[in-house]
Protein backbone atom coordinates (compact mmCIF):
# COMPACT_ATOMS: atom_id res chain seq x y z
CA MET A 1 57.70 54.95 196.45
CA ASP A 2 54.96 55.72 193.76
CA LYS A 3 51.50 54.24 193.78
CA ILE A 4 50.74 52.35 190.62
CA ARG A 5 47.56 53.90 189.17
CA ALA A 6 44.80 51.77 187.29
CA LYS A 7 44.77 52.05 183.88
CA MET A 8 42.22 54.50 182.61
CA PRO A 9 39.41 53.08 180.19
CA PRO A 10 39.16 54.42 176.52
CA SER A 11 36.01 55.68 176.74
CA GLN A 12 37.43 58.14 179.81
CA ARG A 13 40.62 58.58 177.82
CA ALA A 14 39.08 60.44 174.63
CA LYS A 15 37.47 63.02 176.72
CA GLN A 16 40.84 64.54 177.30
CA PHE A 17 41.09 65.40 173.80
CA ALA A 18 37.65 66.95 173.49
CA PRO A 19 37.37 70.57 172.01
CA PHE A 20 37.11 73.26 174.26
CA ASP A 21 35.43 76.72 173.50
CA ALA A 22 37.18 79.06 175.96
CA VAL A 23 35.00 81.97 174.92
CA VAL A 24 31.20 80.85 175.26
CA GLY A 25 29.26 82.23 171.95
CA LEU A 26 32.44 83.38 170.57
CA ARG A 27 31.55 81.07 167.31
CA LYS A 28 27.89 82.12 167.22
CA ALA A 29 28.92 85.86 167.22
CA LEU A 30 31.33 85.77 164.59
CA ARG A 31 28.61 83.57 162.26
CA GLU A 32 26.21 86.69 163.11
CA LYS A 33 28.72 89.33 162.13
CA GLU A 34 29.51 87.72 158.66
CA LYS A 35 25.80 87.88 157.77
CA ILE A 36 25.10 90.54 154.73
CA ARG A 37 22.42 93.08 156.44
CA VAL A 38 20.80 95.06 153.17
CA GLN A 39 18.36 98.18 153.77
CA CYS A 40 14.74 97.79 152.80
CA LYS A 41 14.41 98.82 149.03
CA GLU A 42 11.62 101.69 147.93
CA LEU A 43 9.62 100.49 145.07
CA PHE A 44 8.40 102.53 142.10
CA ASP A 45 4.67 102.82 141.73
CA ASP A 46 4.43 100.64 138.99
CA ALA A 47 5.68 98.28 140.53
CA ILE A 48 3.34 99.06 144.02
CA ASP A 49 0.44 98.76 141.68
CA GLU A 50 1.36 95.24 140.52
CA ILE A 51 1.54 94.17 143.58
CA ASN A 52 -1.88 95.61 145.11
CA ASN A 53 -3.34 94.28 141.52
CA THR A 54 -2.12 90.59 142.41
CA LEU A 55 -2.86 90.94 146.12
CA LYS A 56 -6.91 91.83 145.00
CA ASN A 57 -6.85 88.67 142.52
CA LEU A 58 -5.35 86.12 145.37
CA ASN A 59 -7.86 83.75 146.75
CA ILE A 60 -7.28 81.76 149.86
CA GLY A 61 -5.92 78.39 148.89
CA ASP A 62 -3.75 80.33 146.03
CA ALA A 63 -0.30 78.88 145.46
CA VAL A 64 2.23 81.84 145.87
CA THR A 65 5.94 82.79 146.06
CA VAL A 66 6.33 86.01 147.80
CA VAL A 67 9.76 87.62 147.97
CA TYR A 68 9.20 89.85 151.24
CA TYR A 69 11.63 92.29 153.31
CA ASN A 70 12.34 90.40 156.63
CA SER A 71 13.33 93.89 159.47
CA VAL A 72 14.77 91.33 162.16
CA GLU A 73 17.19 89.26 159.72
CA GLN A 74 17.69 92.50 157.64
CA ALA A 75 17.37 90.31 154.38
CA TYR A 76 14.87 89.63 151.67
CA LEU A 77 13.33 86.01 151.95
CA THR A 78 11.46 84.20 149.69
CA ALA A 79 8.07 82.34 151.13
CA THR A 80 6.12 79.63 148.82
CA GLY A 81 2.76 78.57 150.01
CA GLN A 82 -0.62 78.67 149.99
CA VAL A 83 -2.71 81.82 151.07
CA THR A 84 -4.33 80.87 154.28
CA SER A 85 -5.79 84.68 154.86
CA ILE A 86 -5.82 87.84 153.24
CA ASP A 87 -6.41 90.76 155.93
CA ALA A 88 -7.04 93.92 154.11
CA LYS A 89 -7.84 95.74 157.02
CA THR A 90 -4.70 94.73 158.83
CA LYS A 91 -2.39 94.78 155.82
CA ILE A 92 -1.31 91.18 156.16
CA LEU A 93 -0.98 88.20 154.07
CA THR A 94 -0.96 85.02 155.87
CA LEU A 95 1.26 81.96 154.12
CA SER A 96 0.51 78.79 156.23
CA ALA A 97 1.71 80.03 159.29
CA LEU A 98 3.61 82.93 158.08
CA ASP A 99 2.49 86.52 158.44
CA ILE A 100 3.77 89.05 155.85
CA LYS A 101 2.95 92.72 155.80
CA PHE A 102 1.93 94.00 152.69
CA GLU A 103 4.28 96.74 152.92
CA ASP A 104 7.34 94.35 153.29
CA ILE A 105 6.35 92.71 149.65
CA TYR A 106 8.81 93.06 147.04
CA LYS A 107 7.38 90.78 144.68
CA ILE A 108 4.34 88.54 144.45
CA LYS A 109 3.90 85.65 141.61
CA GLY A 110 0.62 83.58 141.72
CA TYR A 111 0.25 80.03 140.20
């Protein structure tokens, strides 16, 4: 004789239809693979001079938009914010908490 089982509560019944990821991390790896990677572009001398002149004229507290190369993501990113530090010795521009090397700057525009 078969024993009669107690009815499963609806909250438990729903768990059996939950999605199952058989290969943990596969979706994340596929998204990483889909990212478009770009090489850092070489700037002409006049573009370098323009960036240097803009950096010389910047003051702490100025609002700027910077297009820069991020070597970790291998992509050009845009950051807008206030200049909190300009270090000519280490050649780093700081916007809020973001440090950008002078050599990674592709374009810079002050407001």
